[in-house]
Amino acid sequence: MKAHVYHTFAELNAAFEKVILDLGNLKEITYFRSEELRAMYKTLVRIRAQANREFISVLSEREAANALHFEHLCGQGALGSPQTGSD
């Protein structure tokens, strides 16, 4: 898996965290307290959780496929050269 994928995933989570924290701070200010603001806050938390679940699922599948691929490569012999003998 490319490092930029994990980096982008981390940046996305950091951005969600900032928005959620800032919105959480605003909803504590008396004149910003409203059901709509609380609903937005809950929606953002839910969206972040759903996105993380989806991304982690995809990344997990991809990493498992990569691991299998490299296990097969390692089984081919030293430095990736095919093993001699008949199969």
PDB file of N, CA and C in Angstrom:
ATOM      1  N   MET A   1       0.852  -1.170   0.000  1.00  0.00           N
ATOM      2  CA  MET A   1       0.000   0.000   0.000  1.00  0.00           C
ATOM      3  C   MET A   1       0.896   1.231   0.000  1.00  0.00           C
ATOM      4  N   LYS A   2       0.540   2.175  -0.773  1.00  0.00           N
ATOM      5  CA  LYS A   2       1.316   3.410  -0.873  1.00  0.00           C
ATOM      6  C   LYS A   2       1.192   4.234   0.402  1.00  0.00           C
ATOM      7  N   ALA A   3       2.305   4.817   0.812  1.00  0.00           N
ATOM      8  CA  ALA A   3       2.330   5.625   2.034  1.00  0.00           C
ATOM      9  C   ALA A   3       1.404   6.828   1.934  1.00  0.00           C
ATOM     10  N   HIS A   4       1.247   7.383   0.720  1.00  0.00           N
ATOM     11  CA  HIS A   4       0.389   8.569   0.590  1.00  0.00           C
ATOM     12  C   HIS A   4      -1.073   8.265   0.919  1.00  0.00           C
ATOM     13  N   VAL A   5      -1.486   7.028   0.753  1.00  0.00           N
ATOM     14  CA  VAL A   5      -2.865   6.647   1.095  1.00  0.00           C
ATOM     15  C   VAL A   5      -3.062   6.770   2.607  1.00  0.00           C
ATOM     16  N   TYR A   6      -2.110   6.231   3.370  1.00  0.00           N
ATOM     17  CA  TYR A   6      -2.194   6.326   4.830  1.00  0.00           C
ATOM     18  C   TYR A   6      -2.057   7.765   5.303  1.00  0.00           C
ATOM     19  N   HIS A   7      -1.195   8.517   4.639  1.00  0.00           N
ATOM     20  CA  HIS A   7      -1.014   9.924   4.991  1.00  0.00           C
ATOM     21  C   HIS A   7      -2.305  10.708   4.746  1.00  0.00           C
ATOM     22  N   THR A   8      -2.936  10.474   3.615  1.00  0.00           N
ATOM     23  CA  THR A   8      -4.190  11.148   3.288  1.00  0.00           C
ATOM     24  C   THR A   8      -5.292  10.755   4.265  1.00  0.00           C
ATOM     25  N   PHE A   9      -5.332   9.491   4.623  1.00  0.00           N
ATOM     26  CA  PHE A   9      -6.315   9.002   5.602  1.00  0.00           C
ATOM     27  C   PHE A   9      -6.109   9.693   6.950  1.00  0.00           C
ATOM     28  N   ALA A  10      -4.848   9.834   7.362  1.00  0.00           N
ATOM     29  CA  ALA A  10      -4.543  10.521   8.620  1.00  0.00           C
ATOM     30  C   ALA A  10      -4.917  11.995   8.546  1.00  0.00           C
ATOM     31  N   GLU A  11      -4.646  12.635   7.413  1.00  0.00           N
ATOM     32  CA  GLU A  11      -5.014  14.046   7.251  1.00  0.00           C
ATOM     33  C   GLU A  11      -6.531  14.234   7.290  1.00  0.00           C
ATOM     34  N   LEU A  12      -7.252  13.318   6.669  1.00  0.00           N
ATOM     35  CA  LEU A  12      -8.707  13.387   6.693  1.00  0.00           C
ATOM     36  C   LEU A  12      -9.223  13.284   8.124  1.00  0.00           C
ATOM     37  N   ASN A  13      -8.669  12.351   8.880  1.00  0.00           N
ATOM     38  CA  ASN A  13      -9.087  12.197  10.274  1.00  0.00           C
ATOM     39  C   ASN A  13      -8.733  13.424  11.107  1.00  0.00           C
ATOM     40  N   ALA A  14      -7.568  14.003  10.869  1.00  0.00           N
ATOM     41  CA  ALA A  14      -7.176  15.215  11.591  1.00  0.00           C
ATOM     42  C   ALA A  14      -8.125  16.363  11.263  1.00  0.00           C
ATOM     43  N   ALA A  15      -8.524  16.471  10.003  1.00  0.00           N
ATOM     44  CA  ALA A  15      -9.457  17.535   9.604  1.00  0.00           C
ATOM     45  C   ALA A  15     -10.824  17.319  10.250  1.00  0.00           C
ATOM     46  N   PHE A  16     -11.307  16.086  10.230  1.00  0.00           N
ATOM     47  CA  PHE A  16     -12.574  15.778  10.909  1.00  0.00           C
ATOM     48  C   PHE A  16     -12.471  16.141  12.391  1.00  0.00           C
ATOM     49  N   GLU A  17     -11.361  15.759  13.012  1.00  0.00           N
ATOM     50  CA  GLU A  17     -11.182  16.022  14.437  1.00  0.00           C
ATOM     51  C   GLU A  17     -11.237  17.519  14.731  1.00  0.00           C
ATOM     52  N   LYS A  18     -10.582  18.312  13.890  1.00  0.00           N
ATOM     53  CA  LYS A  18     -10.584  19.763  14.090  1.00  0.00           C
ATOM     54  C   LYS A  18     -11.996  20.327  13.953  1.00  0.00           C
ATOM     55  N   VAL A  19     -12.700  19.931  12.915  1.00  0.00           N
ATOM     56  CA  VAL A  19     -14.063  20.434  12.706  1.00  0.00           C
ATOM     57  C   VAL A  19     -14.970  20.016  13.860  1.00  0.00           C
ATOM     58  N   ILE A  20     -14.852  18.762  14.281  1.00  0.00           N
ATOM     59  CA  ILE A  20     -15.695  18.264  15.374  1.00  0.00           C
ATOM     60  C   ILE A  20     -15.382  18.993  16.675  1.00  0.00           C
ATOM     61  N   LEU A  21     -14.096  19.191  16.965  1.00  0.00           N
ATOM     62  CA  LEU A  21     -13.728  19.916  18.186  1.00  0.00           C
ATOM     63  C   LEU A  21     -14.199  21.372  18.134  1.00  0.00           C
ATOM     64  N   ASP A  22     -13.983  22.034  16.993  1.00  0.00           N
ATOM     65  CA  ASP A  22     -14.413  23.429  16.869  1.00  0.00           C
ATOM     66  C   ASP A  22     -15.929  23.559  16.973  1.00  0.00           C
ATOM     67  N   LEU A  23     -16.643  22.676  16.323  1.00  0.00           N
ATOM     68  CA  LEU A  23     -18.105  22.710  16.402  1.00  0.00           C
ATOM     69  C   LEU A  23     -18.561  22.411  17.829  1.00  0.00           C
ATOM     70  N   GLY A  24     -17.877  21.481  18.478  1.00  0.00           N
ATOM     71  CA  GLY A  24     -18.191  21.174  19.868  1.00  0.00           C
ATOM     72  C   GLY A  24     -17.969  22.378  20.772  1.00  0.00           C
ATOM     73  N   ASN A  25     -16.903  23.113  20.534  1.00  0.00           N
ATOM     74  CA  ASN A  25     -16.650  24.328  21.308  1.00  0.00           C
ATOM     75  C   ASN A  25     -17.728  25.381  21.059  1.00  0.00           C
ATOM     76  N   LEU A  26     -18.113  25.549  19.805  1.00  0.00           N
ATOM     77  CA  LEU A  26     -19.154  26.532  19.484  1.00  0.00           C
ATOM     78  C   LEU A  26     -20.487  26.180  20.129  1.00  0.00           C
ATOM     79  N   LYS A  27     -20.818  24.895  20.147  1.00  0.00           N
ATOM     80  CA  LYS A  27     -22.125  24.524  20.708  1.00  0.00           C
ATOM     81  C   LYS A  27     -22.198  24.735  22.216  1.00  0.00           C
ATOM     82  N   GLU A  28     -21.045  24.975  22.858  1.00  0.00           N
ATOM     83  CA  GLU A  28     -21.023  25.264  24.293  1.00  0.00           C
ATOM     84  C   GLU A  28     -21.249  26.755  24.593  1.00  0.00           C
ATOM     85  N   ILE A  29     -21.126  27.587  23.554  1.00  0.00           N
ATOM     86  CA  ILE A  29     -21.366  29.017  23.728  1.00  0.00           C
ATOM     87  C   ILE A  29     -22.864  29.248  23.773  1.00  0.00           C
ATOM     88  N   THR A  30     -23.298  29.984  24.764  1.00  0.00           N
ATOM     89  CA  THR A  30     -24.723  30.148  25.049  1.00  0.00           C
ATOM     90  C   THR A  30     -25.543  30.510  23.816  1.00  0.00           C
ATOM     91  N   TYR A  31     -25.134  31.511  23.076  1.00  0.00           N
ATOM     92  CA  TYR A  31     -25.964  31.960  21.958  1.00  0.00           C
ATOM     93  C   TYR A  31     -25.850  31.068  20.724  1.00  0.00           C
ATOM     94  N   PHE A  32     -24.957  30.072  20.738  1.00  0.00           N
ATOM     95  CA  PHE A  32     -24.892  29.103  19.647  1.00  0.00           C
ATOM     96  C   PHE A  32     -25.608  27.799  19.979  1.00  0.00           C
ATOM     97  N   ARG A  33     -26.068  27.658  21.195  1.00  0.00           N
ATOM     98  CA  ARG A  33     -26.719  26.404  21.585  1.00  0.00           C
ATOM     99  C   ARG A  33     -28.048  26.273  20.849  1.00  0.00           C
ATOM    100  N   SER A  34     -28.146  25.214  20.084  1.00  0.00           N
ATOM    101  CA  SER A  34     -29.388  24.944  19.367  1.00  0.00           C
ATOM    102  C   SER A  34     -29.435  23.473  19.006  1.00  0.00           C
ATOM    103  N   GLU A  35     -30.620  22.995  18.768  1.00  0.00           N
ATOM    104  CA  GLU A  35     -30.783  21.600  18.351  1.00  0.00           C
ATOM    105  C   GLU A  35     -30.127  21.363  16.997  1.00  0.00           C
ATOM    106  N   GLU A  36     -30.202  22.354  16.118  1.00  0.00           N
ATOM    107  CA  GLU A  36     -29.600  22.210  14.789  1.00  0.00           C
ATOM    108  C   GLU A  36     -28.089  22.027  14.882  1.00  0.00           C
ATOM    109  N   LEU A  37     -27.442  22.808  15.747  1.00  0.00           N
ATOM    110  CA  LEU A  37     -25.999  22.701  15.923  1.00  0.00           C
ATOM    111  C   LEU A  37     -25.621  21.354  16.536  1.00  0.00           C
ATOM    112  N   ARG A  38     -26.390  20.894  17.519  1.00  0.00           N
ATOM    113  CA  ARG A  38     -26.137  19.578  18.113  1.00  0.00           C
ATOM    114  C   ARG A  38     -26.339  18.469  17.078  1.00  0.00           C
ATOM    115  N   ALA A  39     -27.347  18.652  16.227  1.00  0.00           N
ATOM    116  CA  ALA A  39     -27.596  17.658  15.175  1.00  0.00           C
ATOM    117  C   ALA A  39     -26.446  17.625  14.170  1.00  0.00           C
ATOM    118  N   MET A  40     -25.914  18.799  13.805  1.00  0.00           N
ATOM    119  CA  MET A  40     -24.763  18.855  12.897  1.00  0.00           C
ATOM    120  C   MET A  40     -23.555  18.158  13.515  1.00  0.00           C
ATOM    121  N   TYR A  41     -23.331  18.414  14.793  1.00  0.00           N
ATOM    122  CA  TYR A  41     -22.216  17.802  15.517  1.00  0.00           C
ATOM    123  C   TYR A  41     -22.344  16.273  15.477  1.00  0.00           C
ATOM    124  N   LYS A  42     -23.521  15.776  15.814  1.00  0.00           N
ATOM    125  CA  LYS A  42     -23.745  14.323  15.809  1.00  0.00           C
ATOM    126  C   LYS A  42     -23.592  13.743  14.406  1.00  0.00           C
ATOM    127  N   THR A  43     -24.048  14.476  13.406  1.00  0.00           N
ATOM    128  CA  THR A  43     -23.934  14.015  12.022  1.00  0.00           C
ATOM    129  C   THR A  43     -22.474  13.912  11.602  1.00  0.00           C
ATOM    130  N   LEU A  44     -21.669  14.915  11.943  1.00  0.00           N
ATOM    131  CA  LEU A  44     -20.248  14.880  11.600  1.00  0.00           C
ATOM    132  C   LEU A  44     -19.529  13.726  12.284  1.00  0.00           C
ATOM    133  N   VAL A  45     -19.841  13.488  13.544  1.00  0.00           N
ATOM    134  CA  VAL A  45     -19.220  12.367  14.267  1.00  0.00           C
ATOM    135  C   VAL A  45     -19.598  11.047  13.602  1.00  0.00           C
ATOM    136  N   ARG A  46     -20.861  10.928  13.204  1.00  0.00           N
ATOM    137  CA  ARG A  46     -21.327   9.704  12.534  1.00  0.00           C
ATOM    138  C   ARG A  46     -20.668   9.532  11.171  1.00  0.00           C
ATOM    139  N   ILE A  47     -20.555  10.614  10.403  1.00  0.00           N
ATOM    140  CA  ILE A  47     -19.928  10.545   9.081  1.00  0.00           C
ATOM    141  C   ILE A  47     -18.470  10.137   9.210  1.00  0.00           C
ATOM    142  N   ARG A  48     -17.764  10.712  10.185  1.00  0.00           N
ATOM    143  CA  ARG A  48     -16.360  10.331  10.383  1.00  0.00           C
ATOM    144  C   ARG A  48     -16.253   8.846  10.719  1.00  0.00           C
ATOM    145  N   ALA A  49     -17.107   8.357  11.587  1.00  0.00           N
ATOM    146  CA  ALA A  49     -17.069   6.943  11.961  1.00  0.00           C
ATOM    147  C   ALA A  49     -17.370   6.047  10.758  1.00  0.00           C
ATOM    148  N   GLN A  50     -18.361   6.431   9.955  1.00  0.00           N
ATOM    149  CA  GLN A  50     -18.698   5.645   8.771  1.00  0.00           C
ATOM    150  C   GLN A  50     -17.556   5.652   7.760  1.00  0.00           C
ATOM    151  N   ALA A  51     -16.948   6.815   7.553  1.00  0.00           N
ATOM    152  CA  ALA A  51     -15.823   6.913   6.617  1.00  0.00           C
ATOM    153  C   ALA A  51     -14.655   6.057   7.098  1.00  0.00           C
ATOM    154  N   ASN A  52     -14.344   6.144   8.395  1.00  0.00           N
ATOM    155  CA  ASN A  52     -13.249   5.338   8.939  1.00  0.00           C
ATOM    156  C   ASN A  52     -13.517   3.849   8.781  1.00  0.00           C
ATOM    157  N   ARG A  53     -14.739   3.446   9.067  1.00  0.00           N
ATOM    158  CA  ARG A  53     -15.086   2.029   8.937  1.00  0.00           C
ATOM    159  C   ARG A  53     -14.900   1.566   7.493  1.00  0.00           C
ATOM    160  N   GLU A  54     -15.364   2.370   6.532  1.00  0.00           N
ATOM    161  CA  GLU A  54     -15.241   2.003   5.124  1.00  0.00           C
ATOM    162  C   GLU A  54     -13.782   1.979   4.681  1.00  0.00           C
ATOM    163  N   PHE A  55     -13.034   3.032   5.007  1.00  0.00           N
ATOM    164  CA  PHE A  55     -11.637   3.092   4.602  1.00  0.00           C
ATOM    165  C   PHE A  55     -10.828   1.970   5.228  1.00  0.00           C
ATOM    166  N   ILE A  56     -11.051   1.687   6.507  1.00  0.00           N
ATOM    167  CA  ILE A  56     -10.311   0.619   7.177  1.00  0.00           C
ATOM    168  C   ILE A  56     -10.640  -0.734   6.558  1.00  0.00           C
ATOM    169  N   SER A  57     -11.884  -0.936   6.204  1.00  0.00           N
ATOM    170  CA  SER A  57     -12.280  -2.186   5.561  1.00  0.00           C
ATOM    171  C   SER A  57     -11.560  -2.368   4.225  1.00  0.00           C
ATOM    172  N   VAL A  58     -11.550  -1.319   3.420  1.00  0.00           N
ATOM    173  CA  VAL A  58     -10.883  -1.377   2.116  1.00  0.00           C
ATOM    174  C   VAL A  58      -9.380  -1.569   2.303  1.00  0.00           C
ATOM    175  N   LEU A  59      -8.786  -0.806   3.215  1.00  0.00           N
ATOM    176  CA  LEU A  59      -7.349  -0.930   3.457  1.00  0.00           C
ATOM    177  C   LEU A  59      -6.988  -2.327   3.964  1.00  0.00           C
ATOM    178  N   SER A  60      -7.809  -2.878   4.818  1.00  0.00           N
ATOM    179  CA  SER A  60      -7.558  -4.216   5.347  1.00  0.00           C
ATOM    180  C   SER A  60      -7.575  -5.262   4.230  1.00  0.00           C
ATOM    181  N   GLU A  61      -8.565  -5.165   3.355  1.00  0.00           N
ATOM    182  CA  GLU A  61      -8.647  -6.100   2.225  1.00  0.00           C
ATOM    183  C   GLU A  61      -7.428  -5.958   1.324  1.00  0.00           C
ATOM    184  N   ARG A  62      -7.050  -4.718   1.062  1.00  0.00           N
ATOM    185  CA  ARG A  62      -5.910  -4.459   0.184  1.00  0.00           C
ATOM    186  C   ARG A  62      -4.606  -4.976   0.798  1.00  0.00           C
ATOM    187  N   GLU A  63      -4.421  -4.736   2.091  1.00  0.00           N
ATOM    188  CA  GLU A  63      -3.210  -5.199   2.768  1.00  0.00           C
ATOM    189  C   GLU A  63      -3.153  -6.727   2.787  1.00  0.00           C
ATOM    190  N   ALA A  64      -4.290  -7.380   2.972  1.00  0.00           N
ATOM    191  CA  ALA A  64      -4.322  -8.848   2.953  1.00  0.00           C
ATOM    192  C   ALA A  64      -3.933  -9.367   1.571  1.00  0.00           C
ATOM    193  N   ALA A  65      -4.434  -8.719   0.522  1.00  0.00           N
ATOM    194  CA  ALA A  65      -4.083  -9.119  -0.842  1.00  0.00           C
ATOM    195  C   ALA A  65      -2.594  -8.899  -1.099  1.00  0.00           C
ATOM    196  N   ASN A  66      -2.064  -7.771  -0.620  1.00  0.00           N
ATOM    197  CA  ASN A  66      -0.630  -7.496  -0.785  1.00  0.00           C
ATOM    198  C   ASN A  66       0.209  -8.527  -0.043  1.00  0.00           C
ATOM    199  N   ALA A  67      -0.195  -8.876   1.167  1.00  0.00           N
ATOM    200  CA  ALA A  67       0.547  -9.862   1.953  1.00  0.00           C
ATOM    201  C   ALA A  67       0.582 -11.198   1.220  1.00  0.00           C
ATOM    202  N   LEU A  68      -0.543 -11.606   0.682  1.00  0.00           N
ATOM    203  CA  LEU A  68      -0.607 -12.865  -0.065  1.00  0.00           C
ATOM    204  C   LEU A  68       0.306 -12.814  -1.286  1.00  0.00           C
ATOM    205  N   HIS A  69       0.270 -11.696  -1.988  1.00  0.00           N
ATOM    206  CA  HIS A  69       1.120 -11.525  -3.164  1.00  0.00           C
ATOM    207  C   HIS A  69       2.598 -11.664  -2.796  1.00  0.00           C
ATOM    208  N   PHE A  70       3.014 -10.994  -1.721  1.00  0.00           N
ATOM    209  CA  PHE A  70       4.422 -11.045  -1.336  1.00  0.00           C
ATOM    210  C   PHE A  70       4.802 -12.400  -0.749  1.00  0.00           C
ATOM    211  N   GLU A  71       3.866 -13.096  -0.134  1.00  0.00           N
ATOM    212  CA  GLU A  71       4.143 -14.459   0.330  1.00  0.00           C
ATOM    213  C   GLU A  71       4.431 -15.355  -0.858  1.00  0.00           C
ATOM    214  N   HIS A  72       3.662 -15.175  -1.932  1.00  0.00           N
ATOM    215  CA  HIS A  72       3.919 -15.967  -3.144  1.00  0.00           C
ATOM    216  C   HIS A  72       5.274 -15.608  -3.748  1.00  0.00           C
ATOM    217  N   LEU A  73       5.604 -14.325  -3.760  1.00  0.00           N
ATOM    218  CA  LEU A  73       6.908 -13.912  -4.289  1.00  0.00           C
ATOM    219  C   LEU A  73       8.045 -14.507  -3.477  1.00  0.00           C
ATOM    220  N   CYS A  74       7.906 -14.491  -2.171  1.00  0.00           N
ATOM    221  CA  CYS A  74       8.959 -15.036  -1.309  1.00  0.00           C
ATOM    222  C   CYS A  74       9.097 -16.536  -1.498  1.00  0.00           C
ATOM    223  N   GLY A  75       8.052 -17.190  -1.861  1.00  0.00           N
ATOM    224  CA  GLY A  75       8.092 -18.630  -2.085  1.00  0.00           C
ATOM    225  C   GLY A  75       8.766 -19.012  -3.377  1.00  0.00           C
ATOM    226  N   GLN A  76       9.123 -18.025  -4.216  1.00  0.00           N
ATOM    227  CA  GLN A  76       9.733 -18.317  -5.508  1.00  0.00           C
ATOM    228  C   GLN A  76      11.232 -18.512  -5.428  1.00  0.00           C
ATOM    229  N   GLY A  77      11.852 -18.266  -4.299  1.00  0.00           N
ATOM    230  CA  GLY A  77      13.291 -18.458  -4.167  1.00  0.00           C
ATOM    231  C   GLY A  77      13.995 -17.160  -3.865  1.00  0.00           C
ATOM    232  N   ALA A  78      15.302 -17.224  -3.817  1.00  0.00           N
ATOM    233  CA  ALA A  78      16.126 -16.071  -3.441  1.00  0.00           C
ATOM    234  C   ALA A  78      15.975 -14.947  -4.451  1.00  0.00           C
ATOM    235  N   LEU A  79      15.825 -13.752  -3.937  1.00  0.00           N
ATOM    236  CA  LEU A  79      15.760 -12.523  -4.729  1.00  0.00           C
ATOM    237  C   LEU A  79      14.687 -12.567  -5.806  1.00  0.00           C
ATOM    238  N   GLY A  80      13.635 -13.325  -5.592  1.00  0.00           N
ATOM    239  CA  GLY A  80      12.511 -13.327  -6.501  1.00  0.00           C
ATOM    240  C   GLY A  80      12.699 -14.190  -7.728  1.00  0.00           C
ATOM    241  N   SER A  81      13.807 -14.950  -7.820  1.00  0.00           N
ATOM    242  CA  SER A  81      13.988 -15.812  -8.978  1.00  0.00           C
ATOM    243  C   SER A  81      13.156 -17.081  -8.782  1.00  0.00           C
ATOM    244  N   PRO A  82      12.580 -17.588  -9.861  1.00  0.00           N
ATOM    245  CA  PRO A  82      11.739 -18.788  -9.724  1.00  0.00           C
ATOM    246  C   PRO A  82      12.541 -19.983  -9.249  1.00  0.00           C
ATOM    247  N   GLN A  83      11.900 -20.834  -8.463  1.00  0.00           N
ATOM    248  CA  GLN A  83      12.544 -22.050  -7.990  1.00  0.00           C
ATOM    249  C   GLN A  83      12.704 -23.009  -9.136  1.00  0.00           C
ATOM    250  N   THR A  84      13.744 -23.788  -9.089  1.00  0.00           N
ATOM    251  CA  THR A  84      13.931 -24.808 -10.122  1.00  0.00           C
ATOM    252  C   THR A  84      13.189 -26.071  -9.718  1.00  0.00           C
ATOM    253  N   GLY A  85      12.831 -26.851 -10.662  1.00  0.00           N
ATOM    254  CA  GLY A  85      12.107 -28.082 -10.373  1.00  0.00           C
ATOM    255  C   GLY A  85      10.775 -28.051 -11.078  1.00  0.00           C
ATOM    256  N   SER A  86      10.098 -29.169 -11.055  1.00  0.00           N
ATOM    257  CA  SER A  86       8.815 -29.220 -11.750  1.00  0.00           C
ATOM    258  C   SER A  86       7.682 -29.044 -10.776  1.00  0.00           C
ATOM    259  N   ASP A  87       6.676 -28.336 -11.214  1.00  0.00           N
ATOM    260  CA  ASP A  87       5.459 -28.141 -10.412  1.00  0.00           C
ATOM    261  C   ASP A  87       4.282 -28.751 -11.104  1.00  0.00           C
TER     262      ASP A  87
END
